[in-house]
Amino acid sequence: MYIGGGLISIIVLILDLIAIVEVLQSGRAVMEKLLWILLILLLPLFGVLLYFLIGRK
């Protein structure tokens, strides 16, 4: 039984949720929030990495 992939998926999901909550609580414009959330949802790992590297203010 291989559970490593499932564990990684759960970690990525948790990071995605943290990023989405952070985006929603930010003082950004609504359209900017929507774009970040779409990026995070459509590209879970890449989107959250981009947000944490360049999207945070």
PDB file of N, CA and C in Angstrom:
ATOM      1  N   MET A   1       0.844  -1.179   0.000  1.00  0.00           N
ATOM      2  CA  MET A   1       0.000   0.000   0.000  1.00  0.00           C
ATOM      3  C   MET A   1       0.889   1.242   0.000  1.00  0.00           C
ATOM      4  N   TYR A   2       0.624   2.148  -0.932  1.00  0.00           N
ATOM      5  CA  TYR A   2       1.413   3.362  -1.071  1.00  0.00           C
ATOM      6  C   TYR A   2       0.583   4.552  -0.599  1.00  0.00           C
ATOM      7  N   ILE A   3       1.016   5.186   0.497  1.00  0.00           N
ATOM      8  CA  ILE A   3       0.251   6.321   1.027  1.00  0.00           C
ATOM      9  C   ILE A   3       0.971   7.650   0.856  1.00  0.00           C
ATOM     10  N   GLY A   4       2.164   7.639   0.290  1.00  0.00           N
ATOM     11  CA  GLY A   4       2.923   8.875   0.126  1.00  0.00           C
ATOM     12  C   GLY A   4       2.211   9.888  -0.748  1.00  0.00           C
ATOM     13  N   GLY A   5       1.603   9.431  -1.838  1.00  0.00           N
ATOM     14  CA  GLY A   5       0.888  10.338  -2.735  1.00  0.00           C
ATOM     15  C   GLY A   5      -0.318  10.970  -2.066  1.00  0.00           C
ATOM     16  N   GLY A   6      -0.998  10.210  -1.256  1.00  0.00           N
ATOM     17  CA  GLY A   6      -2.152  10.745  -0.539  1.00  0.00           C
ATOM     18  C   GLY A   6      -1.749  11.795   0.476  1.00  0.00           C
ATOM     19  N   LEU A   7      -0.628  11.569   1.137  1.00  0.00           N
ATOM     20  CA  LEU A   7      -0.138  12.524   2.130  1.00  0.00           C
ATOM     21  C   LEU A   7       0.272  13.829   1.459  1.00  0.00           C
ATOM     22  N   ILE A   8       0.936  13.723   0.330  1.00  0.00           N
ATOM     23  CA  ILE A   8       1.333  14.923  -0.410  1.00  0.00           C
ATOM     24  C   ILE A   8       0.101  15.686  -0.879  1.00  0.00           C
ATOM     25  N   SER A   9      -0.914  14.982  -1.326  1.00  0.00           N
ATOM     26  CA  SER A   9      -2.155  15.628  -1.772  1.00  0.00           C
ATOM     27  C   SER A   9      -2.826  16.377  -0.636  1.00  0.00           C
ATOM     28  N   ILE A  10      -2.838  15.793   0.535  1.00  0.00           N
ATOM     29  CA  ILE A  10      -3.439  16.454   1.700  1.00  0.00           C
ATOM     30  C   ILE A  10      -2.654  17.707   2.068  1.00  0.00           C
ATOM     31  N   ILE A  11      -1.333  17.646   2.002  1.00  0.00           N
ATOM     32  CA  ILE A  11      -0.502  18.812   2.311  1.00  0.00           C
ATOM     33  C   ILE A  11      -0.764  19.934   1.306  1.00  0.00           C
ATOM     34  N   VAL A  12      -0.843  19.582   0.022  1.00  0.00           N
ATOM     35  CA  VAL A  12      -1.123  20.587  -1.013  1.00  0.00           C
ATOM     36  C   VAL A  12      -2.507  21.188  -0.798  1.00  0.00           C
ATOM     37  N   LEU A  13      -3.490  20.381  -0.450  1.00  0.00           N
ATOM     38  CA  LEU A  13      -4.840  20.876  -0.185  1.00  0.00           C
ATOM     39  C   LEU A  13      -4.843  21.853   0.985  1.00  0.00           C
ATOM     40  N   ILE A  14      -4.139  21.523   2.048  1.00  0.00           N
ATOM     41  CA  ILE A  14      -4.070  22.407   3.213  1.00  0.00           C
ATOM     42  C   ILE A  14      -3.398  23.729   2.847  1.00  0.00           C
ATOM     43  N   LEU A  15      -2.300  23.657   2.083  1.00  0.00           N
ATOM     44  CA  LEU A  15      -1.623  24.888   1.651  1.00  0.00           C
ATOM     45  C   LEU A  15      -2.525  25.733   0.752  1.00  0.00           C
ATOM     46  N   ASP A  16      -3.284  25.078  -0.119  1.00  0.00           N
ATOM     47  CA  ASP A  16      -4.234  25.795  -0.977  1.00  0.00           C
ATOM     48  C   ASP A  16      -5.286  26.520  -0.134  1.00  0.00           C
ATOM     49  N   LEU A  17      -5.827  25.841   0.845  1.00  0.00           N
ATOM     50  CA  LEU A  17      -6.847  26.457   1.702  1.00  0.00           C
ATOM     51  C   LEU A  17      -6.276  27.632   2.487  1.00  0.00           C
ATOM     52  N   ILE A  18      -5.062  27.489   2.998  1.00  0.00           N
ATOM     53  CA  ILE A  18      -4.418  28.587   3.723  1.00  0.00           C
ATOM     54  C   ILE A  18      -4.228  29.786   2.800  1.00  0.00           C
ATOM     55  N   ALA A  19      -3.771  29.536   1.582  1.00  0.00           N
ATOM     56  CA  ALA A  19      -3.553  30.625   0.626  1.00  0.00           C
ATOM     57  C   ALA A  19      -4.867  31.311   0.262  1.00  0.00           C
ATOM     58  N   ILE A  20      -5.919  30.528   0.046  1.00  0.00           N
ATOM     59  CA  ILE A  20      -7.214  31.110  -0.313  1.00  0.00           C
ATOM     60  C   ILE A  20      -7.761  31.974   0.823  1.00  0.00           C
ATOM     61  N   VAL A  21      -7.658  31.502   2.046  1.00  0.00           N
ATOM     62  CA  VAL A  21      -8.113  32.287   3.200  1.00  0.00           C
ATOM     63  C   VAL A  21      -7.300  33.571   3.306  1.00  0.00           C
ATOM     64  N   GLU A  22      -6.001  33.467   3.096  1.00  0.00           N
ATOM     65  CA  GLU A  22      -5.142  34.646   3.151  1.00  0.00           C
ATOM     66  C   GLU A  22      -5.512  35.651   2.057  1.00  0.00           C
ATOM     67  N   VAL A  23      -5.807  35.164   0.864  1.00  0.00           N
ATOM     68  CA  VAL A  23      -6.224  36.049  -0.230  1.00  0.00           C
ATOM     69  C   VAL A  23      -7.533  36.744   0.134  1.00  0.00           C
ATOM     70  N   LEU A  24      -8.479  36.000   0.661  1.00  0.00           N
ATOM     71  CA  LEU A  24      -9.781  36.576   1.008  1.00  0.00           C
ATOM     72  C   LEU A  24      -9.669  37.617   2.114  1.00  0.00           C
ATOM     73  N   GLN A  25      -8.725  37.449   3.019  1.00  0.00           N
ATOM     74  CA  GLN A  25      -8.564  38.390   4.127  1.00  0.00           C
ATOM     75  C   GLN A  25      -7.687  39.585   3.771  1.00  0.00           C
ATOM     76  N   SER A  26      -7.076  39.558   2.610  1.00  0.00           N
ATOM     77  CA  SER A  26      -6.193  40.647   2.209  1.00  0.00           C
ATOM     78  C   SER A  26      -7.005  41.870   1.791  1.00  0.00           C
ATOM     79  N   GLY A  27      -6.334  42.981   1.674  1.00  0.00           N
ATOM     80  CA  GLY A  27      -6.994  44.220   1.285  1.00  0.00           C
ATOM     81  C   GLY A  27      -6.969  44.453  -0.212  1.00  0.00           C
ATOM     82  N   ARG A  28      -6.820  43.404  -0.978  1.00  0.00           N
ATOM     83  CA  ARG A  28      -6.753  43.518  -2.434  1.00  0.00           C
ATOM     84  C   ARG A  28      -8.124  43.845  -3.018  1.00  0.00           C
ATOM     85  N   ALA A  29      -8.095  44.288  -4.260  1.00  0.00           N
ATOM     86  CA  ALA A  29      -9.345  44.529  -4.989  1.00  0.00           C
ATOM     87  C   ALA A  29     -10.021  43.182  -5.264  1.00  0.00           C
ATOM     88  N   VAL A  30     -11.327  43.216  -5.439  1.00  0.00           N
ATOM     89  CA  VAL A  30     -12.104  41.990  -5.621  1.00  0.00           C
ATOM     90  C   VAL A  30     -11.620  41.201  -6.840  1.00  0.00           C
ATOM     91  N   MET A  31     -11.348  41.883  -7.933  1.00  0.00           N
ATOM     92  CA  MET A  31     -10.914  41.193  -9.155  1.00  0.00           C
ATOM     93  C   MET A  31      -9.558  40.530  -8.948  1.00  0.00           C
ATOM     94  N   GLU A  32      -8.674  41.196  -8.228  1.00  0.00           N
ATOM     95  CA  GLU A  32      -7.358  40.614  -7.942  1.00  0.00           C
ATOM     96  C   GLU A  32      -7.494  39.374  -7.053  1.00  0.00           C
ATOM     97  N   LYS A  33      -8.385  39.445  -6.069  1.00  0.00           N
ATOM     98  CA  LYS A  33      -8.652  38.271  -5.221  1.00  0.00           C
ATOM     99  C   LYS A  33      -9.166  37.105  -6.063  1.00  0.00           C
ATOM    100  N   LEU A  34     -10.112  37.405  -6.946  1.00  0.00           N
ATOM    101  CA  LEU A  34     -10.698  36.377  -7.794  1.00  0.00           C
ATOM    102  C   LEU A  34      -9.645  35.719  -8.673  1.00  0.00           C
ATOM    103  N   LEU A  35      -8.761  36.525  -9.261  1.00  0.00           N
ATOM    104  CA  LEU A  35      -7.714  35.975 -10.116  1.00  0.00           C
ATOM    105  C   LEU A  35      -6.750  35.086  -9.338  1.00  0.00           C
ATOM    106  N   TRP A  36      -6.353  35.499  -8.144  1.00  0.00           N
ATOM    107  CA  TRP A  36      -5.456  34.667  -7.339  1.00  0.00           C
ATOM    108  C   TRP A  36      -6.133  33.349  -6.945  1.00  0.00           C
ATOM    109  N   ILE A  37      -7.396  33.440  -6.555  1.00  0.00           N
ATOM    110  CA  ILE A  37      -8.114  32.225  -6.154  1.00  0.00           C
ATOM    111  C   ILE A  37      -8.260  31.277  -7.341  1.00  0.00           C
ATOM    112  N   LEU A  38      -8.577  31.804  -8.505  1.00  0.00           N
ATOM    113  CA  LEU A  38      -8.672  30.950  -9.699  1.00  0.00           C
ATOM    114  C   LEU A  38      -7.334  30.293 -10.018  1.00  0.00           C
ATOM    115  N   LEU A  39      -6.257  31.039  -9.918  1.00  0.00           N
ATOM    116  CA  LEU A  39      -4.935  30.484 -10.172  1.00  0.00           C
ATOM    117  C   LEU A  39      -4.618  29.365  -9.180  1.00  0.00           C
ATOM    118  N   ILE A  40      -4.938  29.580  -7.915  1.00  0.00           N
ATOM    119  CA  ILE A  40      -4.674  28.574  -6.890  1.00  0.00           C
ATOM    120  C   ILE A  40      -5.520  27.326  -7.119  1.00  0.00           C
ATOM    121  N   LEU A  41      -6.770  27.503  -7.525  1.00  0.00           N
ATOM    122  CA  LEU A  41      -7.651  26.350  -7.734  1.00  0.00           C
ATOM    123  C   LEU A  41      -7.336  25.583  -9.015  1.00  0.00           C
ATOM    124  N   LEU A  42      -6.974  26.310 -10.074  1.00  0.00           N
ATOM    125  CA  LEU A  42      -6.711  25.645 -11.345  1.00  0.00           C
ATOM    126  C   LEU A  42      -5.332  24.983 -11.394  1.00  0.00           C
ATOM    127  N   LEU A  43      -4.370  25.563 -10.720  1.00  0.00           N
ATOM    128  CA  LEU A  43      -3.006  25.021 -10.672  1.00  0.00           C
ATOM    129  C   LEU A  43      -2.593  24.906  -9.201  1.00  0.00           C
ATOM    130  N   PRO A  44      -3.097  23.898  -8.497  1.00  0.00           N
ATOM    131  CA  PRO A  44      -2.946  23.847  -7.043  1.00  0.00           C
ATOM    132  C   PRO A  44      -1.514  24.038  -6.531  1.00  0.00           C
ATOM    133  N   LEU A  45      -0.595  23.257  -6.976  1.00  0.00           N
ATOM    134  CA  LEU A  45       0.765  23.356  -6.439  1.00  0.00           C
ATOM    135  C   LEU A  45       1.476  24.597  -6.982  1.00  0.00           C
ATOM    136  N   PHE A  46       1.426  24.789  -8.286  1.00  0.00           N
ATOM    137  CA  PHE A  46       2.096  25.930  -8.909  1.00  0.00           C
ATOM    138  C   PHE A  46       1.465  27.255  -8.463  1.00  0.00           C
ATOM    139  N   GLY A  47       0.143  27.291  -8.380  1.00  0.00           N
ATOM    140  CA  GLY A  47      -0.555  28.515  -7.972  1.00  0.00           C
ATOM    141  C   GLY A  47      -0.234  28.932  -6.559  1.00  0.00           C
ATOM    142  N   VAL A  48      -0.213  27.973  -5.654  1.00  0.00           N
ATOM    143  CA  VAL A  48       0.075  28.313  -4.256  1.00  0.00           C
ATOM    144  C   VAL A  48       1.547  28.715  -4.101  1.00  0.00           C
ATOM    145  N   LEU A  49       2.428  28.075  -4.850  1.00  0.00           N
ATOM    146  CA  LEU A  49       3.837  28.468  -4.804  1.00  0.00           C
ATOM    147  C   LEU A  49       4.016  29.898  -5.318  1.00  0.00           C
ATOM    148  N   LEU A  50       3.370  30.215  -6.431  1.00  0.00           N
ATOM    149  CA  LEU A  50       3.440  31.578  -6.956  1.00  0.00           C
ATOM    150  C   LEU A  50       2.894  32.584  -5.954  1.00  0.00           C
ATOM    151  N   TYR A  51       1.784  32.251  -5.323  1.00  0.00           N
ATOM    152  CA  TYR A  51       1.192  33.182  -4.361  1.00  0.00           C
ATOM    153  C   TYR A  51       2.140  33.429  -3.192  1.00  0.00           C
ATOM    154  N   PHE A  52       2.699  32.354  -2.632  1.00  0.00           N
ATOM    155  CA  PHE A  52       3.564  32.527  -1.476  1.00  0.00           C
ATOM    156  C   PHE A  52       4.897  33.188  -1.842  1.00  0.00           C
ATOM    157  N   LEU A  53       5.335  33.039  -3.086  1.00  0.00           N
ATOM    158  CA  LEU A  53       6.609  33.640  -3.489  1.00  0.00           C
ATOM    159  C   LEU A  53       6.455  35.099  -3.936  1.00  0.00           C
ATOM    160  N   ILE A  54       5.427  35.404  -4.735  1.00  0.00           N
ATOM    161  CA  ILE A  54       5.323  36.759  -5.275  1.00  0.00           C
ATOM    162  C   ILE A  54       4.016  37.475  -4.956  1.00  0.00           C
ATOM    163  N   GLY A  55       2.995  36.757  -4.521  1.00  0.00           N
ATOM    164  CA  GLY A  55       1.677  37.373  -4.347  1.00  0.00           C
ATOM    165  C   GLY A  55       1.438  38.031  -3.007  1.00  0.00           C
ATOM    166  N   ARG A  56       2.192  37.634  -2.012  1.00  0.00           N
ATOM    167  CA  ARG A  56       1.985  38.215  -0.693  1.00  0.00           C
ATOM    168  C   ARG A  56       2.571  39.609  -0.641  1.00  0.00           C
ATOM    169  N   LYS A  57       1.862  40.472   0.018  1.00  0.00           N
ATOM    170  CA  LYS A  57       2.342  41.864   0.156  1.00  0.00           C
ATOM    171  C   LYS A  57       2.708  42.131   1.586  1.00  0.00           C
TER     172      LYS A  57
END
